[in-house]
Each structure stands twice: as structure tokens, then as C-alpha cells.
N, C-alpha and C. Protein backbone atom coordinates (compact mmCIF):
# COMPACT_ATOMS: atom_id res chain seq x y z
N UNK A 1 6.68 -27.19 33.99
CA UNK A 1 7.13 -28.53 33.67
C UNK A 1 7.62 -28.59 32.22
N UNK A 2 6.83 -28.01 31.32
CA UNK A 2 7.21 -28.00 29.91
C UNK A 2 8.44 -27.13 29.71
N UNK A 3 8.52 -26.01 30.46
CA UNK A 3 9.66 -25.11 30.34
C UNK A 3 10.95 -25.81 30.76
N UNK A 4 10.90 -26.60 31.82
CA UNK A 4 12.12 -27.28 32.27
C UNK A 4 12.57 -28.32 31.26
N UNK A 5 11.63 -28.97 30.60
CA UNK A 5 11.99 -29.93 29.55
C UNK A 5 12.68 -29.23 28.39
N UNK A 6 12.15 -28.06 28.03
CA UNK A 6 12.75 -27.29 26.94
C UNK A 6 14.15 -26.83 27.30
N UNK A 7 14.32 -26.38 28.54
CA UNK A 7 15.63 -25.93 29.00
C UNK A 7 16.62 -27.10 28.99
N UNK A 8 16.17 -28.26 29.42
CA UNK A 8 17.04 -29.45 29.42
C UNK A 8 17.46 -29.83 27.99
N UNK A 9 16.51 -29.73 27.05
CA UNK A 9 16.84 -30.05 25.66
C UNK A 9 17.87 -29.07 25.10
N UNK A 10 17.72 -27.80 25.46
CA UNK A 10 18.68 -26.79 24.99
C UNK A 10 20.05 -27.05 25.59
N UNK A 11 20.10 -27.38 26.88
CA UNK A 11 21.39 -27.69 27.53
C UNK A 11 22.05 -28.90 26.87
N UNK A 12 21.25 -29.92 26.61
CA UNK A 12 21.80 -31.12 25.97
C UNK A 12 22.31 -30.81 24.57
N UNK A 13 21.63 -29.92 23.89
CA UNK A 13 22.01 -29.52 22.54
C UNK A 13 23.40 -28.89 22.52
N UNK A 14 23.69 -28.03 23.51
CA UNK A 14 24.96 -27.31 23.55
C UNK A 14 25.94 -27.87 24.59
N UNK A 15 25.74 -29.08 25.04
CA UNK A 15 26.50 -29.66 26.15
C UNK A 15 28.01 -29.72 25.90
N UNK A 16 28.44 -30.33 24.84
CA UNK A 16 29.86 -30.52 24.60
C UNK A 16 30.32 -29.61 23.46
N UNK A 17 30.90 -28.43 23.77
CA UNK A 17 31.28 -27.48 22.72
C UNK A 17 32.43 -27.95 21.85
N UNK A 18 33.15 -29.00 22.27
CA UNK A 18 34.30 -29.47 21.50
C UNK A 18 33.92 -30.43 20.38
N UNK A 19 32.73 -31.00 20.45
CA UNK A 19 32.37 -31.97 19.42
C UNK A 19 32.01 -31.27 18.11
N UNK A 20 32.26 -31.95 17.01
CA UNK A 20 31.98 -31.40 15.67
C UNK A 20 30.49 -31.14 15.49
N UNK A 21 29.67 -32.05 15.96
CA UNK A 21 28.22 -31.94 15.82
C UNK A 21 27.69 -30.67 16.49
N UNK A 22 28.21 -30.35 17.65
CA UNK A 22 27.77 -29.16 18.37
C UNK A 22 28.19 -27.89 17.64
N UNK A 23 29.40 -27.89 17.08
CA UNK A 23 29.85 -26.72 16.33
C UNK A 23 28.97 -26.47 15.11
N UNK A 24 28.59 -27.52 14.43
CA UNK A 24 27.70 -27.40 13.27
C UNK A 24 26.35 -26.84 13.71
N UNK A 25 25.87 -27.33 14.84
CA UNK A 25 24.59 -26.84 15.36
C UNK A 25 24.68 -25.36 15.73
N UNK A 26 25.80 -24.97 16.35
CA UNK A 26 25.98 -23.56 16.71
C UNK A 26 26.00 -22.67 15.47
N UNK A 27 26.70 -23.11 14.45
CA UNK A 27 26.76 -22.33 13.21
C UNK A 27 25.38 -22.25 12.57
N UNK A 28 24.64 -23.35 12.58
CA UNK A 28 23.28 -23.35 12.02
C UNK A 28 22.37 -22.42 12.81
N UNK A 29 22.48 -22.46 14.15
CA UNK A 29 21.66 -21.58 14.99
C UNK A 29 22.00 -20.12 14.73
N UNK A 30 23.29 -19.81 14.60
CA UNK A 30 23.70 -18.43 14.32
C UNK A 30 23.18 -17.99 12.95
N UNK A 31 23.21 -18.88 11.98
CA UNK A 31 22.68 -18.56 10.65
C UNK A 31 21.19 -18.27 10.69
N UNK A 32 20.45 -19.08 11.43
CA UNK A 32 19.00 -18.86 11.55
C UNK A 32 18.71 -17.54 12.22
N UNK A 33 19.45 -17.23 13.28
CA UNK A 33 19.26 -15.95 13.97
C UNK A 33 19.57 -14.79 13.04
N UNK A 34 20.64 -14.90 12.26
CA UNK A 34 21.00 -13.84 11.31
C UNK A 34 19.92 -13.64 10.26
N UNK A 35 19.36 -14.75 9.75
CA UNK A 35 18.27 -14.63 8.76
C UNK A 35 17.05 -13.97 9.37
N UNK A 36 16.72 -14.32 10.61
CA UNK A 36 15.57 -13.69 11.28
C UNK A 36 15.79 -12.20 11.45
N UNK A 37 17.01 -11.82 11.84
CA UNK A 37 17.30 -10.39 11.98
C UNK A 37 17.20 -9.66 10.66
N UNK A 38 17.68 -10.25 9.59
CA UNK A 38 17.55 -9.64 8.26
C UNK A 38 16.10 -9.50 7.86
N UNK A 39 15.32 -10.53 8.11
CA UNK A 39 13.90 -10.50 7.77
C UNK A 39 13.19 -9.40 8.54
N UNK A 40 13.48 -9.29 9.84
CA UNK A 40 12.85 -8.25 10.65
C UNK A 40 13.28 -6.86 10.21
N UNK A 41 14.53 -6.68 9.82
CA UNK A 41 14.98 -5.36 9.38
C UNK A 41 14.34 -4.99 8.05
N UNK A 42 14.11 -5.95 7.15
CA UNK A 42 13.43 -5.68 5.88
C UNK A 42 12.00 -5.27 6.12
N UNK A 43 11.31 -5.89 7.05
CA UNK A 43 9.91 -5.57 7.32
C UNK A 43 9.76 -4.19 7.92
N UNK A 44 10.71 -3.77 8.76
CA UNK A 44 10.55 -2.50 9.44
C UNK A 44 10.94 -1.31 8.58
N UNK A 45 11.85 -1.44 7.64
CA UNK A 45 12.30 -0.27 6.90
C UNK A 45 12.18 -0.38 5.41
N UNK A 46 11.54 -1.39 4.89
CA UNK A 46 11.48 -1.63 3.45
C UNK A 46 10.74 -0.56 2.69
N UNK A 47 9.45 -0.50 2.81
CA UNK A 47 8.65 0.46 2.07
C UNK A 47 8.07 1.46 3.05
N UNK A 48 8.76 2.54 3.21
CA UNK A 48 8.27 3.57 4.09
C UNK A 48 7.35 4.47 3.28
N UNK A 49 6.33 4.99 3.93
CA UNK A 49 5.39 5.82 3.19
C UNK A 49 6.00 7.17 2.89
N UNK A 50 6.33 7.36 1.67
CA UNK A 50 6.80 8.63 1.14
C UNK A 50 5.87 8.95 -0.01
N UNK A 51 4.80 9.66 0.30
CA UNK A 51 3.78 9.88 -0.72
C UNK A 51 4.10 11.13 -1.52
N UNK A 52 4.00 10.99 -2.79
CA UNK A 52 4.13 12.11 -3.70
C UNK A 52 2.91 12.08 -4.59
N UNK A 53 2.17 13.16 -4.61
CA UNK A 53 0.95 13.19 -5.38
C UNK A 53 1.21 13.79 -6.75
N UNK A 54 0.83 13.06 -7.76
CA UNK A 54 0.94 13.57 -9.12
C UNK A 54 -0.35 14.31 -9.42
N UNK A 55 -0.26 15.43 -10.06
CA UNK A 55 -1.44 16.25 -10.30
C UNK A 55 -2.42 15.63 -11.26
N UNK A 56 -3.38 16.43 -11.70
CA UNK A 56 -4.46 15.94 -12.55
C UNK A 56 -3.97 15.48 -13.91
N UNK A 57 -2.82 15.93 -14.32
CA UNK A 57 -2.31 15.49 -15.62
C UNK A 57 -1.06 14.64 -15.41
N UNK A 58 -1.26 13.38 -15.16
CA UNK A 58 -0.16 12.45 -14.97
C UNK A 58 0.46 12.18 -16.32
N UNK A 59 1.78 12.11 -16.37
CA UNK A 59 2.50 11.96 -17.63
C UNK A 59 2.07 10.77 -18.45
N UNK A 60 1.86 9.62 -17.83
CA UNK A 60 1.51 8.43 -18.60
C UNK A 60 0.01 8.33 -18.86
N UNK A 61 -0.76 9.32 -18.44
CA UNK A 61 -2.19 9.33 -18.71
C UNK A 61 -2.98 8.39 -17.82
N UNK A 62 -2.38 7.87 -16.77
CA UNK A 62 -3.09 6.90 -15.94
C UNK A 62 -4.26 7.52 -15.20
N UNK A 63 -4.20 8.82 -14.90
CA UNK A 63 -5.30 9.51 -14.23
C UNK A 63 -6.54 9.50 -15.13
N UNK A 64 -6.39 9.95 -16.36
CA UNK A 64 -7.51 9.98 -17.31
C UNK A 64 -7.97 8.57 -17.67
N UNK A 65 -7.02 7.66 -17.83
CA UNK A 65 -7.36 6.28 -18.16
C UNK A 65 -8.16 5.64 -17.04
N UNK A 66 -7.76 5.91 -15.80
CA UNK A 66 -8.48 5.36 -14.64
C UNK A 66 -9.90 5.92 -14.58
N UNK A 67 -10.04 7.21 -14.84
CA UNK A 67 -11.36 7.84 -14.85
C UNK A 67 -12.25 7.24 -15.93
N UNK A 68 -11.70 7.10 -17.14
CA UNK A 68 -12.47 6.50 -18.24
C UNK A 68 -12.85 5.05 -17.94
N UNK A 69 -11.92 4.32 -17.36
CA UNK A 69 -12.19 2.92 -17.03
C UNK A 69 -13.34 2.82 -16.02
N UNK A 70 -13.34 3.68 -15.01
CA UNK A 70 -14.43 3.69 -14.05
C UNK A 70 -15.76 4.02 -14.73
N UNK A 71 -15.73 5.03 -15.59
CA UNK A 71 -16.95 5.43 -16.29
C UNK A 71 -17.49 4.28 -17.15
N UNK A 72 -16.62 3.61 -17.87
CA UNK A 72 -17.06 2.51 -18.74
C UNK A 72 -17.63 1.35 -17.93
N UNK A 73 -16.97 1.01 -16.84
CA UNK A 73 -17.46 -0.10 -16.01
C UNK A 73 -18.79 0.25 -15.35
N UNK A 74 -18.91 1.49 -14.87
CA UNK A 74 -20.17 1.91 -14.26
C UNK A 74 -21.29 1.96 -15.30
N UNK A 75 -20.96 2.43 -16.49
CA UNK A 75 -21.96 2.49 -17.56
C UNK A 75 -22.47 1.09 -17.89
N UNK A 76 -21.58 0.11 -17.92
CA UNK A 76 -21.99 -1.27 -18.18
C UNK A 76 -22.90 -1.79 -17.07
N UNK A 77 -22.57 -1.46 -15.84
CA UNK A 77 -23.39 -1.92 -14.71
C UNK A 77 -24.76 -1.24 -14.72
N UNK A 78 -24.75 0.09 -14.83
CA UNK A 78 -26.01 0.85 -14.76
C UNK A 78 -26.92 0.53 -15.93
N UNK A 79 -26.38 0.44 -17.13
CA UNK A 79 -27.23 0.17 -18.30
C UNK A 79 -27.82 -1.24 -18.26
N UNK A 80 -27.23 -2.13 -17.47
CA UNK A 80 -27.79 -3.48 -17.35
C UNK A 80 -28.91 -3.56 -16.30
N UNK A 81 -29.13 -2.48 -15.55
CA UNK A 81 -30.24 -2.45 -14.59
C UNK A 81 -31.54 -2.29 -15.36
N UNK A 82 -32.52 -3.10 -15.01
CA UNK A 82 -33.81 -3.10 -15.70
C UNK A 82 -34.48 -1.73 -15.59
N UNK A 83 -34.76 -1.12 -16.72
CA UNK A 83 -35.44 0.17 -16.76
C UNK A 83 -34.51 1.36 -16.86
N UNK A 84 -33.20 1.16 -16.79
CA UNK A 84 -32.26 2.29 -16.84
C UNK A 84 -32.18 2.88 -18.24
N UNK A 85 -32.21 2.05 -19.25
CA UNK A 85 -32.13 2.53 -20.63
C UNK A 85 -30.75 3.04 -20.98
N UNK A 86 -30.72 3.96 -21.97
CA UNK A 86 -29.45 4.54 -22.41
C UNK A 86 -28.84 5.33 -21.25
N UNK A 87 -27.51 5.21 -21.09
CA UNK A 87 -26.84 5.79 -19.92
C UNK A 87 -25.57 6.54 -20.31
N UNK A 88 -25.36 7.68 -19.68
CA UNK A 88 -24.12 8.45 -19.78
C UNK A 88 -23.61 8.66 -18.35
N UNK A 89 -22.31 8.47 -18.14
CA UNK A 89 -21.75 8.60 -16.79
C UNK A 89 -20.48 9.44 -16.83
N UNK A 90 -20.35 10.30 -15.81
CA UNK A 90 -19.13 11.08 -15.62
C UNK A 90 -18.65 10.87 -14.18
N UNK A 91 -17.38 10.55 -14.04
CA UNK A 91 -16.77 10.35 -12.73
C UNK A 91 -15.74 11.44 -12.50
N UNK A 92 -15.80 12.11 -11.34
CA UNK A 92 -14.77 13.07 -10.98
C UNK A 92 -13.93 12.47 -9.85
N UNK A 93 -12.63 12.68 -9.95
CA UNK A 93 -11.70 12.11 -8.98
C UNK A 93 -11.17 13.19 -8.06
N UNK A 94 -10.91 12.80 -6.83
CA UNK A 94 -10.53 13.75 -5.79
C UNK A 94 -9.11 14.27 -5.93
N UNK A 95 -8.19 13.43 -6.30
CA UNK A 95 -6.79 13.84 -6.39
C UNK A 95 -6.10 13.00 -7.46
N UNK A 96 -4.85 13.28 -7.68
CA UNK A 96 -4.10 12.53 -8.68
C UNK A 96 -3.61 11.19 -8.14
N UNK A 97 -2.93 10.48 -8.99
CA UNK A 97 -2.32 9.21 -8.61
C UNK A 97 -1.21 9.51 -7.61
N UNK A 98 -1.15 8.74 -6.52
CA UNK A 98 -0.11 8.94 -5.51
C UNK A 98 0.82 7.73 -5.52
N UNK A 99 2.10 8.03 -5.42
CA UNK A 99 3.11 6.97 -5.42
C UNK A 99 3.79 6.93 -4.06
N UNK A 100 4.02 5.74 -3.56
CA UNK A 100 4.80 5.55 -2.34
C UNK A 100 6.11 4.91 -2.78
N UNK A 101 7.19 5.61 -2.52
CA UNK A 101 8.50 5.17 -2.99
C UNK A 101 9.21 4.35 -1.91
N UNK A 102 9.96 3.36 -2.35
CA UNK A 102 10.75 2.54 -1.43
C UNK A 102 11.93 3.37 -0.96
N UNK A 103 12.23 3.25 0.32
CA UNK A 103 13.35 4.00 0.87
C UNK A 103 14.21 3.10 1.75
N UNK A 104 15.43 3.50 1.89
CA UNK A 104 16.37 2.77 2.75
C UNK A 104 16.73 3.67 3.92
N UNK A 105 16.56 3.16 5.11
CA UNK A 105 16.89 3.92 6.31
C UNK A 105 18.16 3.36 6.92
N UNK A 106 19.03 4.25 7.32
CA UNK A 106 20.29 3.84 7.95
C UNK A 106 20.41 4.62 9.25
N UNK A 107 20.48 3.90 10.37
CA UNK A 107 20.58 4.54 11.67
C UNK A 107 21.88 4.12 12.34
N UNK A 108 22.58 5.11 12.88
CA UNK A 108 23.80 4.81 13.63
C UNK A 108 23.74 5.53 14.97
N UNK A 109 24.27 4.88 15.98
CA UNK A 109 24.29 5.47 17.32
C UNK A 109 25.75 5.61 17.74
N UNK A 110 26.14 6.84 18.04
CA UNK A 110 27.49 7.12 18.51
C UNK A 110 27.42 7.38 20.01
N UNK A 111 28.20 6.65 20.76
CA UNK A 111 28.22 6.81 22.22
C UNK A 111 29.62 7.20 22.64
N UNK A 112 29.70 8.23 23.45
CA UNK A 112 31.00 8.64 23.97
C UNK A 112 30.88 8.84 25.48
N UNK A 113 31.93 8.44 26.18
CA UNK A 113 31.94 8.59 27.63
C UNK A 113 32.91 9.70 27.99
N UNK A 114 32.45 10.56 28.87
CA UNK A 114 33.28 11.65 29.37
C UNK A 114 33.43 11.44 30.88
N UNK A 115 34.44 10.76 31.22
CA UNK A 115 34.64 10.44 32.63
C UNK A 115 33.80 9.23 33.02
N UNK A 116 33.71 8.99 34.33
CA UNK A 116 32.98 7.83 34.80
C UNK A 116 31.47 8.07 34.88
N UNK A 117 31.07 9.31 35.10
CA UNK A 117 29.66 9.59 35.35
C UNK A 117 28.88 10.08 34.14
N UNK A 118 29.51 10.70 33.21
CA UNK A 118 28.75 11.25 32.08
C UNK A 118 28.94 10.41 30.83
N UNK A 119 27.86 10.25 30.15
CA UNK A 119 27.84 9.45 28.92
C UNK A 119 26.96 10.19 27.92
N UNK A 120 27.41 10.28 26.69
CA UNK A 120 26.65 11.01 25.67
C UNK A 120 26.37 10.09 24.50
N UNK A 121 25.11 10.07 24.08
CA UNK A 121 24.70 9.26 22.93
C UNK A 121 24.11 10.16 21.87
N UNK A 122 24.44 9.86 20.63
CA UNK A 122 23.90 10.63 19.51
C UNK A 122 23.41 9.64 18.47
N UNK A 123 22.16 9.81 18.05
CA UNK A 123 21.57 8.93 17.05
C UNK A 123 21.45 9.69 15.73
N UNK A 124 22.01 9.11 14.68
CA UNK A 124 21.94 9.70 13.35
C UNK A 124 21.10 8.80 12.46
N UNK A 125 20.10 9.38 11.83
CA UNK A 125 19.26 8.62 10.91
C UNK A 125 19.39 9.22 9.52
N UNK A 126 19.70 8.36 8.56
CA UNK A 126 19.84 8.78 7.18
C UNK A 126 18.78 8.06 6.36
N UNK A 127 18.00 8.81 5.62
CA UNK A 127 16.91 8.24 4.83
C UNK A 127 17.15 8.58 3.36
N UNK A 128 17.09 7.58 2.51
CA UNK A 128 17.28 7.85 1.08
C UNK A 128 16.37 6.95 0.26
N UNK A 129 15.95 7.46 -0.88
CA UNK A 129 15.12 6.69 -1.79
C UNK A 129 15.97 5.67 -2.54
N UNK A 130 15.36 4.55 -2.89
CA UNK A 130 16.05 3.53 -3.67
C UNK A 130 15.89 3.91 -5.14
N UNK A 131 17.01 4.10 -5.82
CA UNK A 131 17.02 4.55 -7.22
C UNK A 131 17.33 3.36 -8.13
N UNK A 132 16.55 3.25 -9.21
CA UNK A 132 16.75 2.17 -10.17
C UNK A 132 17.18 2.77 -11.51
N UNK A 133 18.01 2.05 -12.22
CA UNK A 133 18.44 2.45 -13.56
C UNK A 133 17.41 1.90 -14.54
N UNK A 134 16.77 2.77 -15.34
CA UNK A 134 15.77 2.34 -16.32
C UNK A 134 16.17 2.85 -17.70
N UNK A 135 15.33 2.54 -18.69
CA UNK A 135 15.57 3.02 -20.05
C UNK A 135 15.51 4.54 -20.12
N UNK A 136 14.70 5.15 -19.24
CA UNK A 136 14.53 6.61 -19.23
C UNK A 136 15.54 7.30 -18.32
N UNK A 137 16.51 6.59 -17.80
CA UNK A 137 17.48 7.16 -16.87
C UNK A 137 17.26 6.58 -15.48
N UNK A 138 17.54 7.38 -14.47
CA UNK A 138 17.36 6.93 -13.09
C UNK A 138 15.98 7.34 -12.59
N UNK A 139 15.32 6.41 -11.90
CA UNK A 139 14.00 6.67 -11.32
C UNK A 139 13.92 6.03 -9.95
N UNK A 140 13.14 6.65 -9.07
CA UNK A 140 12.92 6.08 -7.74
C UNK A 140 12.05 4.84 -7.87
N UNK A 141 12.32 3.84 -7.04
CA UNK A 141 11.57 2.58 -7.06
C UNK A 141 10.21 2.80 -6.41
N UNK A 142 9.14 2.57 -7.18
CA UNK A 142 7.78 2.73 -6.68
C UNK A 142 7.39 1.47 -5.93
N UNK A 143 7.03 1.63 -4.68
CA UNK A 143 6.63 0.50 -3.84
C UNK A 143 5.12 0.27 -3.98
N UNK A 144 4.35 1.34 -3.99
CA UNK A 144 2.89 1.25 -4.11
C UNK A 144 2.37 2.41 -4.93
N UNK A 145 1.36 2.15 -5.73
CA UNK A 145 0.69 3.19 -6.50
C UNK A 145 -0.75 3.25 -6.02
N UNK A 146 -1.15 4.41 -5.48
CA UNK A 146 -2.51 4.59 -4.97
C UNK A 146 -3.33 5.35 -6.00
N UNK A 147 -4.38 4.72 -6.46
CA UNK A 147 -5.23 5.36 -7.46
C UNK A 147 -6.08 6.43 -6.79
N UNK A 148 -6.54 7.42 -7.55
CA UNK A 148 -7.33 8.51 -6.98
C UNK A 148 -8.65 8.02 -6.40
N UNK A 149 -9.13 8.73 -5.38
CA UNK A 149 -10.44 8.39 -4.82
C UNK A 149 -11.52 9.16 -5.57
N UNK A 150 -12.71 8.61 -5.57
CA UNK A 150 -13.83 9.19 -6.32
C UNK A 150 -14.45 10.33 -5.53
N UNK A 151 -14.56 11.48 -6.18
CA UNK A 151 -15.20 12.66 -5.58
C UNK A 151 -16.70 12.60 -5.78
N UNK A 152 -17.13 12.26 -6.99
CA UNK A 152 -18.55 12.20 -7.27
C UNK A 152 -18.84 11.54 -8.60
N UNK A 153 -20.11 11.17 -8.80
CA UNK A 153 -20.54 10.50 -10.03
C UNK A 153 -21.83 11.16 -10.50
N UNK A 154 -21.88 11.50 -11.79
CA UNK A 154 -23.11 12.01 -12.40
C UNK A 154 -23.59 10.96 -13.39
N UNK A 155 -24.85 10.57 -13.24
CA UNK A 155 -25.45 9.57 -14.12
C UNK A 155 -26.67 10.19 -14.78
N UNK A 156 -26.66 10.20 -16.10
CA UNK A 156 -27.81 10.67 -16.87
C UNK A 156 -28.32 9.46 -17.64
N UNK A 157 -29.59 9.10 -17.38
CA UNK A 157 -30.14 7.92 -18.07
C UNK A 157 -31.63 8.10 -18.35
N UNK A 158 -32.13 7.31 -19.27
CA UNK A 158 -33.53 7.39 -19.69
C UNK A 158 -34.49 6.97 -18.58
N UNK A 159 -34.07 6.06 -17.71
CA UNK A 159 -34.96 5.54 -16.68
C UNK A 159 -34.90 6.26 -15.36
N UNK A 160 -34.20 7.39 -15.27
CA UNK A 160 -34.04 8.10 -14.00
C UNK A 160 -35.34 8.70 -13.48
N UNK A 161 -36.36 8.81 -14.34
CA UNK A 161 -37.65 9.36 -13.90
C UNK A 161 -38.40 8.41 -12.97
N UNK A 162 -38.10 7.13 -13.01
CA UNK A 162 -38.73 6.14 -12.13
C UNK A 162 -37.93 6.08 -10.82
N UNK A 163 -38.56 6.43 -9.68
CA UNK A 163 -37.84 6.45 -8.40
C UNK A 163 -37.21 5.10 -8.02
N UNK A 164 -37.86 4.00 -8.37
CA UNK A 164 -37.30 2.68 -8.04
C UNK A 164 -36.03 2.41 -8.85
N UNK A 165 -36.05 2.75 -10.11
CA UNK A 165 -34.87 2.56 -10.97
C UNK A 165 -33.74 3.46 -10.48
N UNK A 166 -34.07 4.72 -10.15
CA UNK A 166 -33.06 5.66 -9.67
C UNK A 166 -32.42 5.15 -8.38
N UNK A 167 -33.22 4.57 -7.49
CA UNK A 167 -32.69 4.04 -6.23
C UNK A 167 -31.80 2.82 -6.48
N UNK A 168 -32.19 1.97 -7.42
CA UNK A 168 -31.35 0.81 -7.76
C UNK A 168 -30.01 1.26 -8.34
N UNK A 169 -30.05 2.28 -9.18
CA UNK A 169 -28.82 2.82 -9.77
C UNK A 169 -27.93 3.40 -8.67
N UNK A 170 -28.52 4.20 -7.78
CA UNK A 170 -27.76 4.81 -6.68
C UNK A 170 -27.12 3.73 -5.80
N UNK A 171 -27.89 2.69 -5.48
CA UNK A 171 -27.36 1.60 -4.63
C UNK A 171 -26.22 0.87 -5.33
N UNK A 172 -26.38 0.61 -6.62
CA UNK A 172 -25.34 -0.10 -7.37
C UNK A 172 -24.04 0.71 -7.42
N UNK A 173 -24.15 2.00 -7.70
CA UNK A 173 -22.97 2.85 -7.84
C UNK A 173 -22.28 3.06 -6.49
N UNK A 174 -23.06 3.34 -5.44
CA UNK A 174 -22.44 3.55 -4.12
C UNK A 174 -21.77 2.28 -3.61
N UNK A 175 -22.36 1.14 -3.90
CA UNK A 175 -21.75 -0.13 -3.48
C UNK A 175 -20.49 -0.43 -4.28
N UNK A 176 -20.55 -0.22 -5.58
CA UNK A 176 -19.39 -0.52 -6.44
C UNK A 176 -18.19 0.36 -6.11
N UNK A 177 -18.43 1.63 -5.79
CA UNK A 177 -17.33 2.56 -5.56
C UNK A 177 -17.02 2.78 -4.08
N UNK A 178 -17.90 2.34 -3.20
CA UNK A 178 -17.68 2.55 -1.77
C UNK A 178 -17.79 4.01 -1.37
N UNK A 179 -18.73 4.74 -1.99
CA UNK A 179 -18.92 6.15 -1.67
C UNK A 179 -20.30 6.35 -1.08
N UNK A 180 -20.52 7.51 -0.48
CA UNK A 180 -21.82 7.79 0.13
C UNK A 180 -22.83 8.20 -0.95
N UNK A 181 -24.12 7.98 -0.69
CA UNK A 181 -25.16 8.30 -1.68
C UNK A 181 -25.20 9.78 -2.09
N UNK A 182 -24.77 10.68 -1.20
CA UNK A 182 -24.82 12.10 -1.56
C UNK A 182 -23.75 12.49 -2.57
N UNK A 183 -22.89 11.57 -2.95
CA UNK A 183 -21.87 11.83 -3.98
C UNK A 183 -22.32 11.34 -5.36
N UNK A 184 -23.57 10.86 -5.44
CA UNK A 184 -24.10 10.34 -6.70
C UNK A 184 -25.30 11.19 -7.11
N UNK A 185 -25.23 11.75 -8.31
CA UNK A 185 -26.33 12.53 -8.87
C UNK A 185 -26.91 11.76 -10.05
N UNK A 186 -28.23 11.53 -10.00
CA UNK A 186 -28.90 10.81 -11.09
C UNK A 186 -29.91 11.75 -11.72
N UNK A 187 -29.81 11.92 -13.04
CA UNK A 187 -30.69 12.84 -13.75
C UNK A 187 -31.33 12.13 -14.94
N UNK A 188 -32.51 12.62 -15.32
CA UNK A 188 -33.26 12.07 -16.45
C UNK A 188 -32.67 12.60 -17.75
N UNK A 189 -32.44 11.70 -18.70
CA UNK A 189 -31.90 12.07 -20.00
C UNK A 189 -33.01 12.69 -20.84
N UNK A 190 -32.72 13.80 -21.52
CA UNK A 190 -33.74 14.41 -22.36
C UNK A 190 -33.93 13.58 -23.62
N UNK A 191 -35.13 13.66 -24.14
CA UNK A 191 -35.49 12.83 -25.31
C UNK A 191 -35.02 13.40 -26.60
């Protein structure tokens, strides 16, 4: 019942193709369809995952800076736990910073007919990175930057001799970093 009402409204909308109002509506509908197609094409091919891993020594120092930042934040958290005392923390990272570059995909389909019964189709896909002009020359457009994952954490603190304090520290660190408890080593600081 609802479908027939919708169909009737659509028919009434496009009833008289000679009127000015209908032509404006047709142009507006075509524009909306074109925008939807553009939006869908941007979503499907915009940022394709093209991962490139930068090694342990990233040029801008973001690898080391990220490691130091994690250590400082963890040290602030752990040293604020009751009974932890003076704290030293070392974080090891699993890999370097990974970049996902924006790429543009272009697909074309060539169809040729050989007689009435045979038809041949060939699909060509061309993939290229989007290059930006910067102060340093040309660079690929970075769509996403993935920071390194944590391999392990070593915590040396004055309160590690107390099992309850050590467990609170382990729980805080594993929760903060989202890592398993076996990746956290807690040791007693020498006097």
C-alpha cells in the first residue's frame, strides 16, 4: 500500500516532461544522483591501505619521541600509586611508525565483440599515490599514521617488593597500554 503511494508520487512528479517545473526537478534529481555517485566513489577508493613501515630511526624522531612520551606518562601514573616510590620505566616498541598513503585508483573496462557470439572484456586497473608539493619537494599524501605497538615494559621502583603494590602497577600499565601482563616486568629498585 505504501509502495503504491510512493510510485504514484513519483509518477506525478515526472508526469508532464514539457513543463518548466518538471525539467528543473529532473535536473535537480540528476544532480543529486551525481553527487551520491561521487560520494560513493570517494568512500571506496580514497584512502587505500598502502602501508610503509619506517624503521627504528624515523627521520623526524617521532619513534623515539613516542617512546619517551609513553615512558613519561607511565612514570607519572606508576609513581602516583601508593607505595610505588621512586620509579624508572623503559618501553620497547615492536616496530616503527607506519604510514598509510592516499592513493587514486582508476579502472577502465574495454569490451570488444568478435562476431555475434564472442565477446571479450578486459579490465585495466591503475593505482597511483597522491603526490603533494611541499617545502621539501614532492611527498606522498599521508592518510593515516599508525604509531608503533608496545612490545614490553620494564618498571623498576622502590615499592616493587610489596606484592600488592606490584600487582597494582601491573594492572595500571596493562590497562593503560592494552597489553598482556606477561609483557610487563616489575623489579625492585636497589637502595
